[in-house]
C-alpha atoms as a PDB file:
ATOM      1  CA  MET A   1      63.780 -15.797 -46.351  1.00  0.00           C
ATOM      2  CA  ASN A   2      60.161 -15.084 -45.503  1.00  0.00           C
ATOM      3  CA  ALA A   3      59.402 -18.801 -45.311  1.00  0.00           C
ATOM      4  CA  LEU A   4      62.265 -19.253 -43.226  1.00  0.00           C
ATOM      5  CA  ALA A   5      61.051 -16.346 -40.597  1.00  0.00           C
ATOM      6  CA  LEU A   6      57.478 -17.924 -40.765  1.00  0.00           C
ATOM      7  CA  GLY A   7      58.699 -21.243 -39.894  1.00  0.00           C
ATOM      8  CA  LEU A   8      61.039 -20.044 -37.031  1.00  0.00           C
ATOM      9  CA  SER A   9      58.091 -18.003 -35.705  1.00  0.00           C
ATOM     10  CA  ARG A  10      55.725 -20.954 -35.761  1.00  0.00           C
ATOM     11  CA  GLN A  11      58.241 -23.257 -34.068  1.00  0.00           C
ATOM     12  CA  ILE A  12      58.851 -20.746 -31.322  1.00  0.00           C
ATOM     13  CA  ARG A  13      54.929 -20.389 -30.811  1.00  0.00           C
ATOM     14  CA  ILE A  14      54.695 -24.084 -30.643  1.00  0.00           C
ATOM     15  CA  VAL A  15      57.447 -24.841 -28.129  1.00  0.00           C
ATOM     16  CA  SER A  16      56.450 -21.969 -25.990  1.00  0.00           C
ATOM     17  CA  ALA A  17      52.712 -23.558 -26.104  1.00  0.00           C
ATOM     18  CA  LEU A  18      53.970 -26.793 -25.094  1.00  0.00           C
ATOM     19  CA  THR A  19      56.437 -25.175 -22.612  1.00  0.00           C
ATOM     20  CA  ILE A  20      53.359 -23.777 -20.811  1.00  0.00           C
ATOM     21  CA  ARG A  21      51.469 -26.782 -21.266  1.00  0.00           C
ATOM     22  CA  GLU A  22      53.935 -28.820 -19.444  1.00  0.00           C
ATOM     23  CA  VAL A  23      54.272 -26.573 -16.616  1.00  0.00           C
ATOM     24  CA  ARG A  24      50.372 -26.432 -15.882  1.00  0.00           C
ATOM     25  CA  LEU A  25      49.979 -30.189 -16.138  1.00  0.00           C
ATOM     26  CA  ARG A  26      52.827 -30.616 -13.683  1.00  0.00           C
ATOM     27  CA  ASN A  27      51.045 -28.175 -11.400  1.00  0.00           C
ATOM     28  CA  SER A  28      47.541 -29.266 -12.082  1.00  0.00           C
ATOM     29  CA  LYS A  29      47.092 -31.318  -8.858  1.00  0.00           C
ATOM     30  CA  HIS A  30      49.648 -29.553  -6.513  1.00  0.00           C
ATOM     31  CA  ALA A  31      50.936 -26.164  -7.059  1.00  0.00           C
ATOM     32  CA  PHE A  32      54.686 -25.877  -7.889  1.00  0.00           C
ATOM     33  CA  MET A  33      54.682 -29.743  -8.166  1.00  0.00           C
ATOM     34  CA  GLN A  34      57.995 -29.770 -10.378  1.00  0.00           C
ATOM     35  CA  LEU A  35      59.659 -28.303  -7.281  1.00  0.00           C
ATOM     36  CA  PHE A  36      59.431 -31.575  -5.532  1.00  0.00           C
ATOM     37  CA  ASP A  37      62.343 -32.972  -7.672  1.00  0.00           C
ATOM     38  CA  LEU A  38      64.354 -30.205  -7.458  1.00  0.00           C
ATOM     39  CA  LEU A  39      63.941 -30.277  -3.554  1.00  0.00           C
ATOM     40  CA  GLU A  40      65.073 -34.042  -3.856  1.00  0.00           C
ATOM     41  CA  ALA A  41      68.325 -32.933  -5.613  1.00  0.00           C
ATOM     42  CA  LEU A  42      69.060 -30.408  -2.950  1.00  0.00           C
ATOM     43  CA  PHE A  43      68.429 -32.771  -0.223  1.00  0.00           C
ATOM     44  CA  PHE A  44      70.781 -35.113  -2.235  1.00  0.00           C
ATOM     45  CA  ILE A  45      73.533 -32.372  -2.103  1.00  0.00           C
ATOM     46  CA  VAL A  46      72.908 -31.572   1.653  1.00  0.00           C
ATOM     47  CA  GLY A  47      72.714 -35.265   2.674  1.00  0.00           C
ATOM     48  CA  HIS A  48      76.216 -35.924   1.114  1.00  0.00           C
ATOM     49  CA  TRP A  49      77.566 -32.608   2.814  1.00  0.00           C
ATOM     50  CA  VAL A  50      76.426 -34.092   6.178  1.00  0.00           C
ATOM     51  CA  ILE A  51      77.797 -37.300   5.556  1.00  0.00           C
ATOM     52  CA  PHE A  52      81.380 -35.978   4.521  1.00  0.00           C
ATOM     53  CA  THR A  53      81.262 -33.376   7.584  1.00  0.00           C
ATOM     54  CA  TYR A  54      80.589 -36.488   9.828  1.00  0.00           C
ATOM     55  CA  LEU A  55      83.741 -38.430   8.325  1.00  0.00           C
ATOM     56  CA  HIS A  56      85.883 -35.248   8.921  1.00  0.00           C
ATOM     57  CA  ARG A  57      86.435 -34.853   5.139  1.00  0.00           C
ATOM     58  CA  SER A  58      89.229 -32.414   4.562  1.00  0.00           C
ATOM     59  CA  LEU A  59      88.759 -29.577   2.125  1.00  0.00           C
ATOM     60  CA  VAL A  60      90.652 -29.883  -1.097  1.00  0.00           C
ATOM     61  CA  ILE A  61      89.916 -26.424  -2.430  1.00  0.00           C
ATOM     62  CA  GLY A  62      87.979 -23.403  -1.575  1.00  0.00           C
ATOM     63  CA  ASP A  63      86.458 -22.628   1.999  1.00  0.00           C
ATOM     64  CA  SER A  64      83.349 -24.670   2.096  1.00  0.00           C
ATOM     65  CA  LEU A  65      82.841 -28.452   1.798  1.00  0.00           C
ATOM     66  CA  LEU A  66      79.204 -27.753   1.020  1.00  0.00           C
ATOM     67  CA  LEU A  67      80.121 -25.605  -1.956  1.00  0.00           C
ATOM     68  CA  PHE A  68      82.573 -28.118  -3.511  1.00  0.00           C
ATOM     69  CA  ILE A  69      79.970 -30.881  -3.314  1.00  0.00           C
ATOM     70  CA  ALA A  70      77.245 -28.690  -4.788  1.00  0.00           C
ATOM     71  CA  THR A  71      79.514 -27.782  -7.665  1.00  0.00           C
ATOM     72  CA  GLY A  72      80.384 -31.413  -8.353  1.00  0.00           C
ATOM     73  CA  ILE A  73      76.810 -32.890  -7.909  1.00  0.00           C
ATOM     74  CA  PHE A  74      74.871 -30.311  -9.842  1.00  0.00           C
ATOM     75  CA  PRO A  75      76.323 -30.873 -13.249  1.00  0.00           C
ATOM     76  CA  ILE A  76      75.619 -34.635 -12.795  1.00  0.00           C
ATOM     77  CA  LEU A  77      72.037 -34.133 -11.781  1.00  0.00           C
ATOM     78  CA  PHE A  78      71.283 -31.508 -14.468  1.00  0.00           C
ATOM     79  CA  PHE A  79      72.842 -33.728 -17.355  1.00  0.00           C
ATOM     80  CA  ARG A  80      71.009 -36.813 -15.908  1.00  0.00           C
ATOM     81  CA  THR A  81      67.538 -35.029 -15.704  1.00  0.00           C
ATOM     82  CA  ILE A  82      67.680 -33.473 -19.172  1.00  0.00           C
ATOM     83  CA  SER A  83      68.575 -36.809 -20.666  1.00  0.00           C
ATOM     84  CA  ILE A  84      65.821 -38.639 -19.320  1.00  0.00           C
ATOM     85  CA  LYS A  85      63.133 -35.833 -19.624  1.00  0.00           C
ATOM     86  CA  ALA A  86      64.222 -35.355 -23.311  1.00  0.00           C
ATOM     87  CA  ALA A  87      63.720 -39.362 -23.919  1.00  0.00           C
ATOM     88  CA  SER A  88      60.587 -39.678 -22.131  1.00  0.00           C
ATOM     89  CA  ALA A  89      58.997 -36.731 -23.762  1.00  0.00           C
ATOM     90  CA  LEU A  90      59.384 -38.471 -27.103  1.00  0.00           C
ATOM     91  CA  GLU A  91      57.558 -41.584 -25.832  1.00  0.00           C
ATOM     92  CA  ALA A  92      54.780 -39.699 -24.246  1.00  0.00           C
ATOM     93  CA  SER A  93      54.163 -37.350 -27.086  1.00  0.00           C
ATOM     94  CA  LYS A  94      51.306 -39.000 -28.650  1.00  0.00           C
ATOM     95  CA  ALA A  95      48.878 -36.717 -26.860  1.00  0.00           C
ATOM     96  CA  VAL A  96      50.252 -33.571 -28.588  1.00  0.00           C
ATOM     97  CA  THR A  97      51.520 -34.882 -32.164  1.00  0.00           C
ATOM     98  CA  SER A  98      47.752 -35.062 -33.147  1.00  0.00           C
ATOM     99  CA  ILE A  99      47.645 -31.506 -33.011  1.00  0.00           C
ATOM    100  CA  PRO A 100      48.694 -29.973 -36.750  1.00  0.00           C
ATOM    101  CA  PHE A 101      52.604 -28.960 -36.991  1.00  0.00           C
ATOM    102  CA  VAL A 102      53.309 -30.381 -33.693  1.00  0.00           C
ATOM    103  CA  GLU A 103      56.115 -33.286 -33.743  1.00  0.00           C
ATOM    104  CA  ALA A 104      57.510 -35.282 -30.866  1.00  0.00           C
ATOM    105  CA  LEU A 105      60.768 -33.267 -31.235  1.00  0.00           C
ATOM    106  CA  ASP A 106      58.983 -30.139 -29.953  1.00  0.00           C
ATOM    107  CA  TYR A 107      57.588 -31.655 -27.066  1.00  0.00           C
ATOM    108  CA  SER A 108      60.891 -32.961 -26.069  1.00  0.00           C
ATOM    109  CA  VAL A 109      62.418 -29.567 -26.482  1.00  0.00           C
ATOM    110  CA  ALA A 110      59.527 -27.841 -24.352  1.00  0.00           C
ATOM    111  CA  ARG A 111      60.255 -30.445 -21.597  1.00  0.00           C
ATOM    112  CA  CYS A 112      63.986 -29.798 -21.343  1.00  0.00           C
ATOM    113  CA  PHE A 113      63.133 -25.780 -21.299  1.00  0.00           C
ATOM    114  CA  VAL A 114      61.111 -26.716 -18.322  1.00  0.00           C
ATOM    115  CA  GLU A 115      63.825 -28.628 -16.684  1.00  0.00           C
ATOM    116  CA  PHE A 116      66.349 -26.011 -17.569  1.00  0.00           C
ATOM    117  CA  PHE A 117      64.953 -23.041 -16.012  1.00  0.00           C
ATOM    118  CA  SER A 118      63.487 -24.881 -13.003  1.00  0.00           C
ATOM    119  CA  PHE A 119      67.121 -26.308 -12.406  1.00  0.00           C
ATOM    120  CA  THR A 120      68.826 -22.873 -12.992  1.00  0.00           C
ATOM    121  CA  LEU A 121      66.541 -20.885 -10.972  1.00  0.00           C
ATOM    122  CA  ALA A 122      66.563 -23.489  -8.057  1.00  0.00           C
ATOM    123  CA  PHE A 123      70.456 -23.664  -7.965  1.00  0.00           C
ATOM    124  CA  LEU A 124      70.670 -19.876  -8.371  1.00  0.00           C
ATOM    125  CA  ALA A 125      68.639 -19.757  -5.081  1.00  0.00           C
ATOM    126  CA  PHE A 126      70.858 -22.542  -3.596  1.00  0.00           C
ATOM    127  CA  PHE A 127      74.186 -20.557  -4.041  1.00  0.00           C
ATOM    128  CA  ALA A 128      72.691 -17.214  -3.220  1.00  0.00           C
ATOM    129  CA  MET A 129      71.778 -18.862   0.121  1.00  0.00           C
ATOM    130  CA  ILE A 130      75.271 -20.175   0.560  1.00  0.00           C
ATOM    131  CA  ALA A 131      76.159 -16.490   0.129  1.00  0.00           C
ATOM    132  CA  VAL A 132      73.867 -14.923   2.035  1.00  0.00           C
ATOM    133  CA  LEU A 133      74.623 -17.179   5.125  1.00  0.00           C
ATOM    134  CA  ASP A 134      78.137 -16.585   4.617  1.00  0.00           C
ATOM    135  CA  LEU A 135      79.179 -20.216   4.282  1.00  0.00           C
ATOM    136  CA  SER A 136      81.698 -19.515   1.561  1.00  0.00           C
ATOM    137  CA  ARG A 137      82.923 -16.448  -0.122  1.00  0.00           C
ATOM    138  CA  TYR A 138      83.166 -18.383  -3.399  1.00  0.00           C
ATOM    139  CA  ALA A 139      79.274 -18.938  -3.597  1.00  0.00           C
ATOM    140  CA  ILE A 140      79.065 -15.945  -6.137  1.00  0.00           C
ATOM    141  CA  PRO A 141      80.694 -17.117  -9.435  1.00  0.00           C
ATOM    142  CA  TYR A 142      83.585 -14.962 -10.483  1.00  0.00           C
ATOM    143  CA  ASN A 143      83.502 -16.330 -14.069  1.00  0.00           C
ATOM    144  CA  PRO A 144      80.000 -15.977 -15.499  1.00  0.00           C
ATOM    145  CA  VAL A 145      81.079 -16.894 -18.950  1.00  0.00           C
ATOM    146  CA  ALA A 146      82.183 -20.126 -17.921  1.00  0.00           C
ATOM    147  CA  ILE A 147      78.645 -21.136 -16.687  1.00  0.00           C
ATOM    148  CA  VAL A 148      77.084 -19.653 -19.736  1.00  0.00           C
ATOM    149  CA  GLN A 149      79.417 -22.258 -21.643  1.00  0.00           C
ATOM    150  CA  PHE A 150      78.745 -24.983 -19.175  1.00  0.00           C
ATOM    151  CA  LEU A 151      74.891 -24.671 -19.414  1.00  0.00           C
ATOM    152  CA  ALA A 152      74.655 -24.396 -23.078  1.00  0.00           C
ATOM    153  CA  MET A 153      76.890 -27.467 -23.949  1.00  0.00           C
ATOM    154  CA  LEU A 154      75.519 -29.729 -20.948  1.00  0.00           C
ATOM    155  CA  THR A 155      71.879 -28.783 -22.198  1.00  0.00           C
ATOM    156  CA  LEU A 156      72.726 -29.790 -25.872  1.00  0.00           C
ATOM    157  CA  LEU A 157      74.695 -32.732 -24.637  1.00  0.00           C
ATOM    158  CA  GLY A 158      71.817 -34.066 -22.384  1.00  0.00           C
ATOM    159  CA  PHE A 159      69.268 -33.352 -24.922  1.00  0.00           C
ATOM    160  CA  GLY A 160      71.268 -35.343 -27.689  1.00  0.00           C
ATOM    161  CA  VAL A 161      71.753 -38.335 -25.186  1.00  0.00           C
ATOM    162  CA  GLY A 162      67.968 -38.413 -24.425  1.00  0.00           C
ATOM    163  CA  LEU A 163      67.221 -38.554 -28.088  1.00  0.00           C
ATOM    164  CA  ILE A 164      69.625 -41.430 -28.566  1.00  0.00           C
ATOM    165  CA  ASN A 165      68.190 -43.069 -25.476  1.00  0.00           C
ATOM    166  CA  SER A 166      64.708 -42.809 -26.762  1.00  0.00           C
ATOM    167  CA  PHE A 167      65.783 -44.831 -29.844  1.00  0.00           C
ATOM    168  CA  LEU A 168      67.697 -47.336 -27.876  1.00  0.00           C
ATOM    169  CA  THR A 169      64.560 -47.609 -25.626  1.00  0.00           C
ATOM    170  CA  TYR A 170      62.265 -48.342 -28.569  1.00  0.00           C
ATOM    171  CA  LEU A 171      64.664 -51.194 -29.678  1.00  0.00           C
ATOM    172  CA  ILE A 172      65.456 -52.523 -26.293  1.00  0.00           C
ATOM    173  CA  PRO A 173      62.712 -51.168 -23.639  1.00  0.00           C
ATOM    174  CA  LEU A 174      65.151 -52.493 -20.819  1.00  0.00           C
ATOM    175  CA  TRP A 175      67.813 -49.778 -21.685  1.00  0.00           C
ATOM    176  CA  LYS A 176      65.577 -47.216 -20.029  1.00  0.00           C
ATOM    177  CA  TYR A 177      66.450 -48.597 -16.671  1.00  0.00           C
ATOM    178  CA  CYS A 178      69.900 -49.358 -17.652  1.00  0.00           C
ATOM    179  CA  TRP A 179      70.792 -45.774 -18.523  1.00  0.00           C
ATOM    180  CA  SER A 180      69.066 -44.532 -15.308  1.00  0.00           C
ATOM    181  CA  ILE A 181      71.409 -46.600 -13.298  1.00  0.00           C
ATOM    182  CA  PHE A 182      74.154 -45.732 -15.619  1.00  0.00           C
ATOM    183  CA  ALA A 183      73.683 -42.036 -15.220  1.00  0.00           C
ATOM    184  CA  ARG A 184      73.714 -42.615 -11.446  1.00  0.00           C
ATOM    185  CA  THR A 185      76.974 -43.843 -11.300  1.00  0.00           C
ATOM    186  CA  GLN A 186      78.522 -40.752 -13.148  1.00  0.00           C
ATOM    187  CA  ILE A 187      78.869 -39.371  -9.765  1.00  0.00           C
ATOM    188  CA  PHE A 188      81.884 -41.835  -8.846  1.00  0.00           C
ATOM    189  CA  PHE A 189      83.842 -41.115 -12.153  1.00  0.00           C
ATOM    190  CA  SER A 190      83.281 -37.567 -12.808  1.00  0.00           C
ATOM    191  CA  GLY A 191      85.298 -35.794 -10.059  1.00  0.00           C
ATOM    192  CA  VAL A 192      82.651 -34.878  -7.820  1.00  0.00           C
ATOM    193  CA  PHE A 193      84.155 -35.553  -4.475  1.00  0.00           C
ATOM    194  CA  PHE A 194      87.742 -35.090  -5.495  1.00  0.00           C
ATOM    195  CA  ILE A 195      89.816 -33.269  -8.116  1.00  0.00           C
ATOM    196  CA  PRO A 196      90.873 -35.312 -10.802  1.00  0.00           C
ATOM    197  CA  GLU A 197      94.293 -33.630 -11.336  1.00  0.00           C
ATOM    198  CA  TYR A 198      95.135 -34.817  -7.943  1.00  0.00           C
ATOM    199  CA  MET A 199      95.006 -38.344  -8.829  1.00  0.00           C
ATOM    200  CA  PRO A 200      97.632 -41.053  -9.938  1.00  0.00           C
ATOM    201  CA  PRO A 201      98.704 -40.455 -13.574  1.00  0.00           C
ATOM    202  CA  ALA A 202      96.915 -43.980 -14.729  1.00  0.00           C
ATOM    203  CA  MET A 203      93.839 -42.642 -13.006  1.00  0.00           C
ATOM    204  CA  LYS A 204      93.948 -39.289 -14.508  1.00  0.00           C
ATOM    205  CA  GLU A 205      94.166 -40.754 -18.032  1.00  0.00           C
ATOM    206  CA  PHE A 206      91.033 -42.881 -17.374  1.00  0.00           C
ATOM    207  CA  LEU A 207      88.856 -40.320 -15.990  1.00  0.00           C
ATOM    208  CA  ALA A 208      89.768 -37.776 -18.867  1.00  0.00           C
ATOM    209  CA  TYR A 209      87.883 -39.894 -21.203  1.00  0.00           C
ATOM    210  CA  ASN A 210      84.673 -39.103 -19.433  1.00  0.00           C
ATOM    211  CA  PRO A 211      83.182 -35.987 -20.740  1.00  0.00           C
ATOM    212  CA  ILE A 212      81.087 -35.194 -17.745  1.00  0.00           C
ATOM    213  CA  MET A 213      84.184 -34.878 -15.944  1.00  0.00           C
ATOM    214  CA  HIS A 214      85.150 -31.843 -18.215  1.00  0.00           C
ATOM    215  CA  PHE A 215      81.940 -30.216 -17.631  1.00  0.00           C
ATOM    216  CA  VAL A 216      82.208 -30.626 -13.830  1.00  0.00           C
ATOM    217  CA  ALA A 217      85.684 -28.908 -14.062  1.00  0.00           C
ATOM    218  CA  LEU A 218      84.112 -26.201 -16.461  1.00  0.00           C
ATOM    219  CA  PHE A 219      81.379 -25.378 -13.959  1.00  0.00           C
ATOM    220  CA  ARG A 220      83.799 -25.423 -10.802  1.00  0.00           C
ATOM    221  CA  ILE A 221      86.182 -22.844 -12.540  1.00  0.00           C
ATOM    222  CA  ALA A 222      83.459 -20.508 -12.445  1.00  0.00           C
ATOM    223  CA  PHE A 223      83.742 -20.311  -8.589  1.00  0.00           C
ATOM    224  CA  PHE A 224      87.167 -21.542  -7.730  1.00  0.00           C
ATOM    225  CA  PRO A 225      89.857 -19.240  -9.187  1.00  0.00           C
ATOM    226  CA  THR A 226      92.383 -21.756  -8.587  1.00  0.00           C
ATOM    227  CA  TYR A 227      90.795 -24.704  -9.606  1.00  0.00           C
ATOM    228  CA  PRO A 228      93.250 -26.628 -11.770  1.00  0.00           C
ATOM    229  CA  THR A 229      92.320 -27.193 -15.474  1.00  0.00           C
ATOM    230  CA  HIS A 230      95.284 -29.391 -16.982  1.00  0.00           C
ATOM    231  CA  LEU A 231      92.653 -32.236 -17.711  1.00  0.00           C
ATOM    232  CA  MET A 232      89.988 -29.935 -18.929  1.00  0.00           C
ATOM    233  CA  SER A 233      89.468 -29.634 -22.813  1.00  0.00           C
ATOM    234  CA  MET A 234      86.898 -27.151 -24.341  1.00  0.00           C
ATOM    235  CA  ASN A 235      87.484 -28.861 -27.735  1.00  0.00           C
ATOM    236  CA  TYR A 236      86.557 -32.469 -26.158  1.00  0.00           C
ATOM    237  CA  MET A 237      83.194 -31.040 -24.745  1.00  0.00           C
ATOM    238  CA  LEU A 238      82.550 -29.248 -27.925  1.00  0.00           C
ATOM    239  CA  GLY A 239      83.190 -32.369 -29.658  1.00  0.00           C
ATOM    240  CA  TRP A 240      81.152 -34.618 -27.796  1.00  0.00           C
ATOM    241  CA  THR A 241      78.226 -32.177 -27.810  1.00  0.00           C
ATOM    242  CA  PHE A 242      78.157 -31.726 -31.612  1.00  0.00           C
ATOM    243  CA  ALA A 243      78.667 -35.478 -32.269  1.00  0.00           C
ATOM    244  CA  VAL A 244      75.985 -36.651 -29.660  1.00  0.00           C
ATOM    245  CA  LEU A 245      73.246 -34.103 -30.676  1.00  0.00           C
ATOM    246  CA  MET A 246      73.898 -34.789 -34.354  1.00  0.00           C
ATOM    247  CA  LEU A 247      73.491 -38.368 -33.824  1.00  0.00           C
ATOM    248  CA  GLY A 248      70.472 -37.882 -31.843  1.00  0.00           C
ATOM    249  CA  LEU A 249      68.624 -35.613 -34.249  1.00  0.00           C
ATOM    250  CA  ALA A 250      69.427 -38.401 -36.817  1.00  0.00           C
ATOM    251  CA  LEU A 251      67.954 -41.261 -34.789  1.00  0.00           C
ATOM    252  CA  GLU A 252      65.083 -39.365 -33.820  1.00  0.00           C
ATOM    253  CA  ARG A 253      64.450 -38.824 -37.553  1.00  0.00           C
ATOM    254  CA  ALA A 254      64.784 -42.295 -38.400  1.00  0.00           C
ATOM    255  CA  LEU A 255      62.618 -43.466 -35.599  1.00  0.00           C
ATOM    256  CA  ARG A 256      59.804 -40.875 -36.607  1.00  0.00           C
ATOM    257  CA  ASN A 257      60.085 -42.262 -39.946  1.00  0.00           C
ATOM    258  CA  HIS A 258      59.708 -45.819 -38.846  1.00  0.00           C
ATOM    259  CA  ARG A 259      56.548 -45.007 -36.665  1.00  0.00           C
ATOM    260  CA  ALA A 260      54.877 -43.194 -39.605  1.00  0.00           C
ATOM    261  CA  HIS A 261      55.218 -46.487 -41.680  1.00  0.00           C
END
């Protein structure tokens, strides 16, 4: 038990130090440099809101089209960012793996921590702004448990996908660009601009296989009490999260051993 506690304490210190290092590196030239990516995400949401408002898109639930779009796009951007940063960290870890006890996986975890806290704080401020400006009475979540479940599972899923992508990129360098394109197309198949339960039966059955659609629904039920959840499955999300994370860790270990030899 003493050895386990010592090892855990050491890993926490390593990841904490790498997290601080990552924040300082990003802000070394310009203060709060990492906020530019978050501002891009917020402009992406506002841009879609302006377009749909101009097209006179009718509300399907709630009292604000901006909030409906934001609760759909945020899970996509969050998942995409975590998966890409986790993969890129493994590729860029040579600068830190020369330090004793530091592994590429530690650097990947640190990068994900930075993205997790940056995204979470930025979108907390965004939803708070919607509430303060009285743009929607649903901007303050009524079900915080759903948000905690959403953040925990989607972070682990994105991290696992990032580890898998790192392995695939090592085998097929072009895969990095293919995944970036595929991750962007998730916005059209995850129920971002519509509610899957209102679609035709054949379309609903097709969309239900996409795990990200379930995460979008989980995030939205934290804000909209009457959001339909007939298609959403917590077991399906847990199964995907566990399977992808285990596969990602196994492939990361295999890639680490291959590089060592």
